[in-house]
C-alpha atoms as a PDB file:
ATOM      1  CA  ASP A   1     -26.461  12.872 -18.405  1.00  0.00           C
ATOM      2  CA  ARG A   2     -27.862  16.304 -19.020  1.00  0.00           C
ATOM      3  CA  LYS A   3     -26.345  16.342 -22.632  1.00  0.00           C
ATOM      4  CA  ILE A   4     -28.139  12.737 -23.062  1.00  0.00           C
ATOM      5  CA  ARG A   5     -31.489  14.144 -21.944  1.00  0.00           C
ATOM      6  CA  PHE A   6     -30.883  17.452 -24.209  1.00  0.00           C
ATOM      7  CA  THR A   7     -30.352  15.343 -27.169  1.00  0.00           C
ATOM      8  CA  GLU A   8     -33.184  12.817 -26.717  1.00  0.00           C
ATOM      9  CA  ALA A   9     -35.423  15.896 -26.416  1.00  0.00           C
ATOM     10  CA  SER A  10     -34.022  17.365 -29.559  1.00  0.00           C
ATOM     11  CA  LEU A  11     -34.315  13.905 -31.200  1.00  0.00           C
ATOM     12  CA  THR A  12     -37.793  13.902 -29.794  1.00  0.00           C
ATOM     13  CA  ARG A  13     -38.574  17.399 -31.581  1.00  0.00           C
ATOM     14  CA  VAL A  14     -37.115  16.306 -34.869  1.00  0.00           C
ATOM     15  CA  HIS A  15     -39.178  13.004 -35.009  1.00  0.00           C
ATOM     16  CA  ALA A  16     -42.494  14.979 -34.220  1.00  0.00           C
ATOM     17  CA  GLN A  17     -41.385  17.576 -37.103  1.00  0.00           C
ATOM     18  CA  MET A  18     -40.745  14.594 -39.610  1.00  0.00           C
ATOM     19  CA  SER A  19     -44.180  12.676 -38.652  1.00  0.00           C
ATOM     20  CA  VAL A  20     -46.112  16.217 -39.495  1.00  0.00           C
ATOM     21  CA  ARG A  21     -44.180  16.601 -42.862  1.00  0.00           C
ATOM     22  CA  ASP A  22     -44.691  12.623 -43.621  1.00  0.00           C
ATOM     23  CA  GLU A  23     -48.829  13.228 -43.087  1.00  0.00           C
ATOM     24  CA  LEU A  24     -48.336  15.997 -45.306  1.00  0.00           C
ATOM     25  CA  LEU A  25     -46.719  14.031 -48.177  1.00  0.00           C
ATOM     26  CA  ASN A  26     -48.948  11.104 -47.924  1.00  0.00           C
ATOM     27  CA  GLN A  27     -51.852  13.340 -47.950  1.00  0.00           C
ATOM     28  CA  ARG A  28     -50.452  14.809 -51.177  1.00  0.00           C
ATOM     29  CA  LEU A  29     -49.494  11.458 -52.257  1.00  0.00           C
ATOM     30  CA  ARG A  30     -53.185  10.287 -52.019  1.00  0.00           C
ATOM     31  CA  TYR A  31     -54.483  13.167 -53.533  1.00  0.00           C
ATOM     32  CA  VAL A  32     -52.358  12.593 -56.706  1.00  0.00           C
ATOM     33  CA  ASP A  33     -53.260   8.938 -56.633  1.00  0.00           C
ATOM     34  CA  ASP A  34     -56.819   9.750 -56.435  1.00  0.00           C
ATOM     35  CA  HIS A  35     -57.035  12.539 -58.978  1.00  0.00           C
ATOM     36  CA  GLY A  36     -53.515  12.075 -61.101  1.00  0.00           C
ATOM     37  CA  SER A  37     -50.956  14.586 -61.602  1.00  0.00           C
ATOM     38  CA  VAL A  38     -51.295  18.057 -63.087  1.00  0.00           C
ATOM     39  CA  ASN A  39     -51.837  17.762 -66.663  1.00  0.00           C
ATOM     40  CA  TYR A  40     -50.583  20.703 -68.367  1.00  0.00           C
ATOM     41  CA  VAL A  41     -52.132  19.844 -71.948  1.00  0.00           C
ATOM     42  CA  GLU A  42     -55.514  19.491 -70.057  1.00  0.00           C
ATOM     43  CA  LEU A  43     -55.111  22.692 -68.347  1.00  0.00           C
ATOM     44  CA  VAL A  44     -54.701  24.515 -72.014  1.00  0.00           C
ATOM     45  CA  LEU A  45     -57.786  22.719 -73.813  1.00  0.00           C
ATOM     46  CA  THR A  46     -60.070  23.138 -70.602  1.00  0.00           C
ATOM     47  CA  ALA A  47     -59.303  26.659 -69.698  1.00  0.00           C
ATOM     48  CA  ASN A  48     -62.301  29.210 -70.786  1.00  0.00           C
ATOM     49  CA  THR A  49     -60.057  32.577 -71.129  1.00  0.00           C
ATOM     50  CA  PHE A  50     -56.416  33.292 -71.145  1.00  0.00           C
ATOM     51  CA  ASN A  51     -56.812  34.400 -67.504  1.00  0.00           C
ATOM     52  CA  ASP A  52     -58.302  31.387 -66.658  1.00  0.00           C
ATOM     53  CA  LEU A  53     -55.562  29.099 -68.316  1.00  0.00           C
ATOM     54  CA  MET A  54     -52.924  31.622 -66.441  1.00  0.00           C
ATOM     55  CA  ASN A  55     -54.211  31.376 -63.246  1.00  0.00           C
ATOM     56  CA  ARG A  56     -54.414  27.629 -63.812  1.00  0.00           C
ATOM     57  CA  MET A  57     -50.884  27.503 -64.666  1.00  0.00           C
ATOM     58  CA  ILE A  58     -49.750  29.640 -61.609  1.00  0.00           C
ATOM     59  CA  GLY A  59     -51.664  27.349 -59.019  1.00  0.00           C
ATOM     60  CA  ALA A  60     -50.253  24.056 -60.577  1.00  0.00           C
ATOM     61  CA  GLN A  61     -46.813  25.710 -60.043  1.00  0.00           C
ATOM     62  CA  GLN A  62     -47.202  26.645 -56.858  1.00  0.00           C
ATOM     63  CA  VAL A  63     -48.372  23.074 -55.821  1.00  0.00           C
ATOM     64  CA  ALA A  64     -45.310  21.654 -57.481  1.00  0.00           C
ATOM     65  CA  ALA A  65     -42.958  24.377 -55.683  1.00  0.00           C
ATOM     66  CA  SER A  66     -45.016  23.146 -52.199  1.00  0.00           C
ATOM     67  CA  ASP A  67     -44.502  19.717 -53.062  1.00  0.00           C
ATOM     68  CA  ARG A  68     -40.645  20.206 -53.853  1.00  0.00           C
ATOM     69  CA  LYS A  69     -40.350  22.147 -50.580  1.00  0.00           C
ATOM     70  CA  LEU A  70     -42.050  19.725 -48.450  1.00  0.00           C
ATOM     71  CA  LEU A  71     -39.694  17.216 -49.784  1.00  0.00           C
ATOM     72  CA  GLY A  72     -36.784  19.047 -49.207  1.00  0.00           C
ATOM     73  CA  GLU A  73     -37.545  19.791 -45.432  1.00  0.00           C
ATOM     74  CA  LEU A  74     -38.530  16.117 -45.017  1.00  0.00           C
ATOM     75  CA  ALA A  75     -35.049  15.166 -46.528  1.00  0.00           C
ATOM     76  CA  VAL A  76     -33.153  17.759 -44.108  1.00  0.00           C
ATOM     77  CA  GLU A  77     -35.361  16.614 -41.370  1.00  0.00           C
ATOM     78  CA  ARG A  78     -34.466  13.039 -41.663  1.00  0.00           C
ATOM     79  CA  ALA A  79     -30.424  13.775 -42.155  1.00  0.00           C
ATOM     80  CA  THR A  80     -30.642  15.734 -38.630  1.00  0.00           C
ATOM     81  CA  PHE A  81     -32.777  12.866 -36.955  1.00  0.00           C
ATOM     82  CA  ASP A  82     -30.014  10.361 -38.229  1.00  0.00           C
ATOM     83  CA  GLN A  83     -27.085  12.786 -37.197  1.00  0.00           C
ATOM     84  CA  THR A  84     -28.945  13.423 -33.692  1.00  0.00           C
ATOM     85  CA  ASN A  85     -29.640   9.643 -33.465  1.00  0.00           C
ATOM     86  CA  ALA A  86     -25.914   8.702 -34.246  1.00  0.00           C
ATOM     87  CA  ASP A  87     -24.882  11.373 -31.546  1.00  0.00           C
ATOM     88  CA  LEU A  88     -26.915   9.764 -29.288  1.00  0.00           C
ATOM     89  CA  THR A  89     -25.750   6.420 -29.577  1.00  0.00           C
ATOM     90  CA  ILE A  90     -22.064   7.803 -29.404  1.00  0.00           C
ATOM     91  CA  GLN A  91     -23.146   9.645 -26.132  1.00  0.00           C
ATOM     92  CA  ARG A  92     -24.726   6.361 -24.815  1.00  0.00           C
ATOM     93  CA  THR A  93     -21.595   4.461 -25.520  1.00  0.00           C
ATOM     94  CA  GLN A  94     -19.453   6.916 -24.185  1.00  0.00           C
ATOM     95  CA  VAL A  95     -21.836   7.066 -20.827  1.00  0.00           C
ATOM     96  CA  VAL A  96     -21.761   3.327 -20.570  1.00  0.00           C
ATOM     97  CA  ALA A  97     -17.761   3.448 -20.677  1.00  0.00           C
ATOM     98  CA  LEU A  98     -17.436   6.288 -18.216  1.00  0.00           C
ATOM     99  CA  LEU A  99     -19.655   4.093 -15.869  1.00  0.00           C
ATOM    100  CA  GLN A 100     -17.648   0.733 -16.376  1.00  0.00           C
ATOM    101  CA  GLN A 101     -14.621   3.185 -15.655  1.00  0.00           C
ATOM    102  CA  LEU A 102     -16.188   4.547 -12.633  1.00  0.00           C
ATOM    103  CA  GLN A 103     -17.335   0.743 -11.432  1.00  0.00           C
ATOM    104  CA  ALA A 104     -13.566  -0.262 -11.787  1.00  0.00           C
ATOM    105  CA  THR A 105     -12.393   2.728  -9.940  1.00  0.00           C
ATOM    106  CA  GLU A 106     -14.723   2.325  -6.883  1.00  0.00           C
ATOM    107  CA  ALA A 107     -13.810  -1.368  -6.883  1.00  0.00           C
ATOM    108  CA  ASP A 108     -10.329  -0.243  -6.670  1.00  0.00           C
ATOM    109  CA  LEU A 109     -10.709   2.027  -4.042  1.00  0.00           C
ATOM    110  CA  GLU A 110     -12.766  -0.544  -2.060  1.00  0.00           C
ATOM    111  CA  LYS A 111      -9.940  -3.040  -2.535  1.00  0.00           C
ATOM    112  CA  ASN A 112      -7.597  -0.574  -1.221  1.00  0.00           C
ATOM    113  CA  VAL A 113      -9.557   0.354   1.580  1.00  0.00           C
ATOM    114  CA  ASN A 114      -9.815  -3.291   2.416  1.00  0.00           C
ATOM    115  CA  THR A 115      -6.383  -3.555   2.295  1.00  0.00           C
ATOM    116  CA  GLN A 116      -5.587  -0.629   4.300  1.00  0.00           C
ATOM    117  CA  LYS A 117      -7.685  -1.917   6.899  1.00  0.00           C
ATOM    118  CA  ALA A 118      -6.146  -5.644   6.876  1.00  0.00           C
ATOM    119  CA  ALA A 119      -3.019  -3.618   7.256  1.00  0.00           C
ATOM    120  CA  MET A 120      -3.867  -1.795  10.097  1.00  0.00           C
ATOM    121  CA  ALA A 121      -5.472  -4.581  12.046  1.00  0.00           C
ATOM    122  CA  ALA A 122      -2.309  -6.629  11.220  1.00  0.00           C
ATOM    123  CA  ALA A 123      -0.251  -3.482  12.742  1.00  0.00           C
ATOM    124  CA  VAL A 124      -1.976  -3.282  15.774  1.00  0.00           C
ATOM    125  CA  GLN A 125      -1.928  -7.119  16.314  1.00  0.00           C
ATOM    126  CA  LEU A 126       1.676  -6.896  16.053  1.00  0.00           C
ATOM    127  CA  GLU A 127       2.068  -4.065  18.140  1.00  0.00           C
ATOM    128  CA  ALA A 128       0.213  -5.825  20.739  1.00  0.00           C
ATOM    129  CA  GLN A 129       2.433  -8.878  20.262  1.00  0.00           C
ATOM    130  CA  LEU A 130       5.235  -6.752  20.674  1.00  0.00           C
ATOM    131  CA  ALA A 131       4.243  -4.957  23.863  1.00  0.00           C
ATOM    132  CA  LYS A 132       3.581  -8.387  25.535  1.00  0.00           C
ATOM    133  CA  GLN A 133       6.799  -9.639  24.259  1.00  0.00           C
ATOM    134  CA  TYR A 134       8.599  -6.492  25.372  1.00  0.00           C
ATOM    135  CA  GLN A 135       7.002  -7.146  28.807  1.00  0.00           C
ATOM    136  CA  GLN A 136       8.218 -10.826  29.235  1.00  0.00           C
ATOM    137  CA  VAL A 137      11.564  -9.913  27.673  1.00  0.00           C
ATOM    138  CA  GLN A 138      11.937  -7.159  30.627  1.00  0.00           C
ATOM    139  CA  ALA A 139      10.612  -9.437  33.079  1.00  0.00           C
ATOM    140  CA  GLN A 140      12.863 -11.778  32.491  1.00  0.00           C
ATOM    141  CA  ARG A 141      15.897  -9.560  32.300  1.00  0.00           C
ATOM    142  CA  ALA A 142      14.938  -8.267  35.715  1.00  0.00           C
ATOM    143  CA  ALA A 143      14.809 -11.797  37.187  1.00  0.00           C
ATOM    144  CA  ILE A 144      18.476 -12.111  35.448  1.00  0.00           C
ATOM    145  CA  ASP A 145      19.634  -8.929  36.987  1.00  0.00           C
ATOM    146  CA  ALA A 146      18.165  -9.737  40.444  1.00  0.00           C
ATOM    147  CA  GLN A 147      19.922 -13.220  40.105  1.00  0.00           C
ATOM    148  CA  VAL A 148      23.325 -11.822  38.963  1.00  0.00           C
ATOM    149  CA  ALA A 149      23.204  -9.689  42.266  1.00  0.00           C
ATOM    150  CA  GLN A 150      22.513 -12.783  44.435  1.00  0.00           C
ATOM    151  CA  LEU A 151      24.919 -15.077  42.604  1.00  0.00           C
ATOM    152  CA  GLN A 152      27.968 -11.841  42.791  1.00  0.00           C
ATOM    153  CA  LEU A 153      27.346 -12.092  46.427  1.00  0.00           C
ATOM    154  CA  GLN A 154      27.465 -15.976  46.513  1.00  0.00           C
ATOM    155  CA  TYR A 155      30.642 -16.519  44.092  1.00  0.00           C
ATOM    156  CA  GLU A 156      32.418 -13.221  44.398  1.00  0.00           C
ATOM    157  CA  ALA A 157      34.848 -14.454  46.603  1.00  0.00           C
ATOM    158  CA  ALA A 158      35.447 -17.665  44.906  1.00  0.00           C
ATOM    159  CA  ALA A 159      36.070 -15.933  41.440  1.00  0.00           C
ATOM    160  CA  GLN A 160      38.077 -13.368  43.065  1.00  0.00           C
ATOM    161  CA  LYS A 161      40.284 -16.471  44.889  1.00  0.00           C
ATOM    162  CA  ALA A 162      40.742 -18.113  41.721  1.00  0.00           C
ATOM    163  CA  GLY A 163      42.299 -15.145  39.721  1.00  0.00           C
ATOM    164  CA  GLY A 164      39.076 -13.267  38.211  1.00  0.00           C
ATOM    165  CA  GLY A 165      38.231  -9.475  39.029  1.00  0.00           C
ATOM    166  CA  THR A 166      41.508  -7.864  38.110  1.00  0.00           C
ATOM    167  CA  GLY A 167      39.660  -5.613  35.335  1.00  0.00           C
ATOM    168  CA  GLN A 168      41.762  -7.160  32.312  1.00  0.00           C
ATOM    169  CA  PHE A 169      39.416  -9.112  29.864  1.00  0.00           C
ATOM    170  CA  GLU A 170      40.481 -10.765  26.628  1.00  0.00           C
ATOM    171  CA  TRP A 171      38.508 -10.738  23.287  1.00  0.00           C
ATOM    172  CA  PRO A 172      35.770 -13.512  23.774  1.00  0.00           C
ATOM    173  CA  GLU A 173      35.458 -14.380  20.114  1.00  0.00           C
ATOM    174  CA  PRO A 174      39.028 -15.526  18.732  1.00  0.00           C
ATOM    175  CA  ALA A 175      38.071 -16.619  15.513  1.00  0.00           C
ATOM    176  CA  CYS A 176      36.820 -12.785  14.413  1.00  0.00           C
ATOM    177  CA  GLY A 177      38.375  -9.599  15.872  1.00  0.00           C
ATOM    178  CA  PHE A 178      36.988  -6.105  16.085  1.00  0.00           C
ATOM    179  CA  SER A 179      35.938  -6.053  12.313  1.00  0.00           C
ATOM    180  CA  CYS A 180      33.353  -8.310  13.334  1.00  0.00           C
ATOM    181  CA  ILE A 181      31.462  -6.075  15.391  1.00  0.00           C
ATOM    182  CA  SER A 182      27.940  -5.448  13.844  1.00  0.00           C
ATOM    183  CA  GLN A 183      26.437  -3.575  16.443  1.00  0.00           C
ATOM    184  CA  GLY A 184      28.500  -1.580  19.076  1.00  0.00           C
ATOM    185  CA  TYR A 185      27.220  -0.190  22.677  1.00  0.00           C
ATOM    186  CA  GLY A 186      24.584   2.670  22.745  1.00  0.00           C
ATOM    187  CA  CYS A 187      21.242   3.864  21.886  1.00  0.00           C
ATOM    188  CA  VAL A 188      19.356   2.072  19.395  1.00  0.00           C
ATOM    189  CA  THR A 189      15.767   1.885  17.729  1.00  0.00           C
ATOM    190  CA  PHE A 190      15.194  -1.843  18.450  1.00  0.00           C
ATOM    191  CA  TYR A 191      11.766  -1.841  20.503  1.00  0.00           C
ATOM    192  CA  LEU A 192      12.772  -4.894  22.723  1.00  0.00           C
ATOM    193  CA  GLU A 193      16.159  -3.515  23.837  1.00  0.00           C
ATOM    194  CA  ILE A 194      16.544  -1.778  27.313  1.00  0.00           C
ATOM    195  CA  TYR A 195      14.739   1.316  28.153  1.00  0.00           C
ATOM    196  CA  ASP A 196      16.831   4.172  28.718  1.00  0.00           C
ATOM    197  CA  PRO A 197      15.702   7.775  29.107  1.00  0.00           C
ATOM    198  CA  ASN A 198      18.727   9.262  28.324  1.00  0.00           C
ATOM    199  CA  CYS A 199      18.665   7.746  24.921  1.00  0.00           C
ATOM    200  CA  PRO A 200      16.463   9.732  22.076  1.00  0.00           C
ATOM    201  CA  TYR A 201      12.985   8.091  21.198  1.00  0.00           C
ATOM    202  CA  PRO A 202      11.911   5.185  21.626  1.00  0.00           C
ATOM    203  CA  HIS A 203      14.566   5.409  24.404  1.00  0.00           C
ATOM    204  CA  ARG A 204      16.209   1.963  23.882  1.00  0.00           C
ATOM    205  CA  ILE A 205      19.800   1.296  24.736  1.00  0.00           C
ATOM    206  CA  HIS A 206      22.102  -1.693  23.377  1.00  0.00           C
ATOM    207  CA  THR A 207      23.693  -2.943  26.494  1.00  0.00           C
ATOM    208  CA  GLY A 208      26.737  -4.461  24.803  1.00  0.00           C
ATOM    209  CA  ILE A 209      28.512  -5.359  21.528  1.00  0.00           C
ATOM    210  CA  ASP A 210      27.182  -7.660  18.819  1.00  0.00           C
ATOM    211  CA  ILE A 211      30.244  -9.915  17.067  1.00  0.00           C
ATOM    212  CA  ALA A 212      29.230 -11.734  13.980  1.00  0.00           C
ATOM    213  CA  ALA A 213      31.631 -14.545  13.162  1.00  0.00           C
ATOM    214  CA  ALA A 214      30.920 -17.746  11.579  1.00  0.00           C
ATOM    215  CA  TYR A 215      27.800 -19.842  13.068  1.00  0.00           C
ATOM    216  CA  HIS A 216      29.334 -22.001  15.787  1.00  0.00           C
ATOM    217  CA  SER A 217      32.689 -19.767  16.053  1.00  0.00           C
ATOM    218  CA  PRO A 218      33.907 -20.625  19.659  1.00  0.00           C
ATOM    219  CA  ILE A 219      33.165 -18.532  22.390  1.00  0.00           C
ATOM    220  CA  VAL A 220      35.763 -18.177  25.253  1.00  0.00           C
ATOM    221  CA  ALA A 221      35.830 -16.920  28.900  1.00  0.00           C
ATOM    222  CA  ALA A 222      36.742 -12.957  28.887  1.00  0.00           C
ATOM    223  CA  ASP A 223      38.242 -13.559  32.161  1.00  0.00           C
ATOM    224  CA  THR A 224      38.459 -16.313  35.015  1.00  0.00           C
ATOM    225  CA  GLY A 225      35.280 -16.712  37.271  1.00  0.00           C
ATOM    226  CA  VAL A 226      32.260 -18.625  38.182  1.00  0.00           C
ATOM    227  CA  ILE A 227      30.013 -19.874  35.062  1.00  0.00           C
ATOM    228  CA  TYR A 228      26.303 -19.870  35.262  1.00  0.00           C
ATOM    229  CA  PHE A 229      23.978 -21.050  32.388  1.00  0.00           C
ATOM    230  CA  TYR A 230      20.799 -19.600  31.173  1.00  0.00           C
ATOM    231  CA  PRO A 231      19.332 -21.842  28.799  1.00  0.00           C
ATOM    232  CA  GLY A 232      16.579 -20.628  26.266  1.00  0.00           C
ATOM    233  CA  SER A 233      15.792 -17.053  27.660  1.00  0.00           C
ATOM    234  CA  ILE A 234      13.501 -15.028  25.620  1.00  0.00           C
ATOM    235  CA  GLY A 235      15.865 -12.094  24.804  1.00  0.00           C
ATOM    236  CA  TYR A 236      19.539 -13.329  24.991  1.00  0.00           C
ATOM    237  CA  GLY A 237      18.317 -17.295  24.145  1.00  0.00           C
ATOM    238  CA  ASN A 238      21.069 -19.409  25.322  1.00  0.00           C
ATOM    239  CA  MET A 239      23.294 -17.413  27.742  1.00  0.00           C
ATOM    240  CA  ILE A 240      25.811 -17.605  29.743  1.00  0.00           C
ATOM    241  CA  LEU A 241      26.778 -15.160  33.050  1.00  0.00           C
ATOM    242  CA  MET A 242      30.039 -15.404  34.590  1.00  0.00           C
ATOM    243  CA  ILE A 243      31.200 -13.827  38.019  1.00  0.00           C
ATOM    244  CA  HIS A 244      34.763 -12.360  38.122  1.00  0.00           C
ATOM    245  CA  GLY A 245      35.178 -10.806  41.375  1.00  0.00           C
ATOM    246  CA  ASN A 246      35.458  -7.147  42.348  1.00  0.00           C
ATOM    247  CA  GLY A 247      31.928  -6.255  41.050  1.00  0.00           C
ATOM    248  CA  TYR A 248      32.850  -7.575  37.405  1.00  0.00           C
ATOM    249  CA  SER A 249      30.474  -9.981  35.646  1.00  0.00           C
ATOM    250  CA  THR A 250      30.252 -10.645  31.532  1.00  0.00           C
ATOM    251  CA  VAL A 251      27.511 -12.097  29.500  1.00  0.00           C
ATOM    252  CA  TYR A 252      27.441 -14.101  26.666  1.00  0.00           C
ATOM    253  CA  GLY A 253      23.906 -14.341  24.452  1.00  0.00           C
ATOM    254  CA  HIS A 254      22.434 -15.782  21.560  1.00  0.00           C
ATOM    255  CA  LEU A 255      24.698 -19.323  21.698  1.00  0.00           C
ATOM    256  CA  ALA A 256      23.894 -21.850  19.888  1.00  0.00           C
ATOM    257  CA  GLY A 257      25.171 -24.191  22.479  1.00  0.00           C
ATOM    258  CA  TYR A 258      27.602 -24.873  25.421  1.00  0.00           C
ATOM    259  CA  ALA A 259      30.823 -26.338  25.674  1.00  0.00           C
ATOM    260  CA  GLY A 260      30.902 -29.766  26.978  1.00  0.00           C
ATOM    261  CA  GLY A 261      31.666 -30.808  30.775  1.00  0.00           C
ATOM    262  CA  LEU A 262      30.830 -27.353  32.299  1.00  0.00           C
ATOM    263  CA  SER A 263      27.750 -26.882  34.936  1.00  0.00           C
ATOM    264  CA  SER A 264      26.520 -24.082  36.915  1.00  0.00           C
ATOM    265  CA  GLY A 265      28.904 -22.931  39.846  1.00  0.00           C
ATOM    266  CA  GLN A 266      32.285 -24.142  38.279  1.00  0.00           C
ATOM    267  CA  ILE A 267      35.337 -22.228  37.987  1.00  0.00           C
ATOM    268  CA  VAL A 268      36.270 -21.346  34.645  1.00  0.00           C
ATOM    269  CA  ALA A 269      39.759 -19.935  33.476  1.00  0.00           C
ATOM    270  CA  ARG A 270      40.399 -16.989  31.130  1.00  0.00           C
ATOM    271  CA  GLY A 271      40.416 -18.234  27.694  1.00  0.00           C
ATOM    272  CA  ASP A 272      38.506 -21.407  28.362  1.00  0.00           C
ATOM    273  CA  LEU A 273      35.839 -22.521  25.818  1.00  0.00           C
ATOM    274  CA  ILE A 274      32.669 -21.909  27.013  1.00  0.00           C
ATOM    275  CA  GLY A 275      30.207 -22.231  23.997  1.00  0.00           C
ATOM    276  CA  TYR A 276      29.509 -21.712  20.401  1.00  0.00           C
ATOM    277  CA  GLU A 277      27.924 -18.825  18.551  1.00  0.00           C
ATOM    278  CA  GLY A 278      24.722 -18.896  17.168  1.00  0.00           C
ATOM    279  CA  SER A 279      21.096 -16.898  16.898  1.00  0.00           C
ATOM    280  CA  THR A 280      18.804 -18.016  19.573  1.00  0.00           C
ATOM    281  CA  GLY A 281      16.472 -15.693  21.419  1.00  0.00           C
ATOM    282  CA  TRP A 282      15.851 -12.353  19.806  1.00  0.00           C
ATOM    283  CA  SER A 283      18.301 -12.418  17.210  1.00  0.00           C
ATOM    284  CA  THR A 284      18.096 -11.594  13.562  1.00  0.00           C
ATOM    285  CA  GLY A 285      21.348 -13.576  12.596  1.00  0.00           C
ATOM    286  CA  PRO A 286      24.298 -15.416  14.003  1.00  0.00           C
ATOM    287  CA  HIS A 287      26.082 -13.497  16.622  1.00  0.00           C
ATOM    288  CA  LEU A 288      27.749 -13.085  19.904  1.00  0.00           C
ATOM    289  CA  HIS A 289      26.127 -10.319  22.414  1.00  0.00           C
ATOM    290  CA  PHE A 290      29.016  -9.622  24.887  1.00  0.00           C
ATOM    291  CA  GLU A 291      28.602  -7.446  27.977  1.00  0.00           C
ATOM    292  CA  ILE A 292      30.859  -6.117  30.587  1.00  0.00           C
ATOM    293  CA  ARG A 293      29.051  -5.394  33.637  1.00  0.00           C
ATOM    294  CA  VAL A 294      30.539  -3.397  36.866  1.00  0.00           C
ATOM    295  CA  ASN A 295      28.316  -3.907  39.753  1.00  0.00           C
ATOM    296  CA  ASN A 296      25.614  -5.454  37.632  1.00  0.00           C
ATOM    297  CA  ASP A 297      25.359  -2.155  35.275  1.00  0.00           C
ATOM    298  CA  PRO A 298      26.293  -2.831  32.026  1.00  0.00           C
ATOM    299  CA  ARG A 299      29.127  -0.859  30.644  1.00  0.00           C
ATOM    300  CA  ASN A 300      30.608  -0.523  27.034  1.00  0.00           C
ATOM    301  CA  PRO A 301      32.921  -3.485  26.852  1.00  0.00           C
ATOM    302  CA  CYS A 302      35.246  -1.311  24.358  1.00  0.00           C
ATOM    303  CA  ILE A 303      36.293   0.489  27.358  1.00  0.00           C
ATOM    304  CA  TRP A 304      38.276  -2.647  28.536  1.00  0.00           C
ATOM    305  CA  LEU A 305      38.637  -4.448  25.162  1.00  0.00           C
ATOM    306  CA  GLY A 306      40.077  -1.374  23.334  1.00  0.00           C
ATOM    307  CA  CYS A 307      38.002  -1.687  20.390  1.00  0.00           C
END
């Protein structure tokens, strides 16, 4: 911008000089038009003396030299004016291009700012939703845990009398072995898992093992016991709880559905079909979430299963 102002000032100055010289040239042309150009023959014939002739000749030569100088200076100033004007046009074009680029950059920045604001708003909203869902999941888990304690008191004797509670468990998904464990027992980063202060941030623990076989693969009872159904829970989805006796219980989560002919409170033998693998509740794909609990405290199932 300063360069353009400087060029414009220079252009104004040159134009003023040209105007002065144009006026001088016009005055000279008007004089010639009125009196005619220098006639050297007339100078010779009208001279009174030789000195008069020489003075007239010198004066005529000085006038001619002045005319040539005026024309030369005017030509130089016109060339300077034209070049300065061309430079000014280029500078203005460059400034317009820079302004357009600046406007485009500002538009991109504004767009990015708006995108970031929208992303932050979405993140805040998602965090609020997750916090609400976490509270719901934990409240439901607490309710289930409380009910498990009651069911153990209610069914422990019956389950143990039926042969459960020996501490011996079989693999709950016969269609797929240890190689299908997709998530082991222990500390994880998944936000909706159970809080455990002994785990590193975010202090979450996976309280069982995940077994990922084909969708709708059969699930069997890991031990003899009393079965209890929890359809449609938030975290575990379609879930089964079994009370086996001697403080042992097992959990089967994310089921697609339950085996027919079964009802809560019924005795089920080890190895009997109880349901089918699915992806209900908080699940990222078909799998069985399997837990072994001792006095309602989740333990690593691999301790008993040998995985």
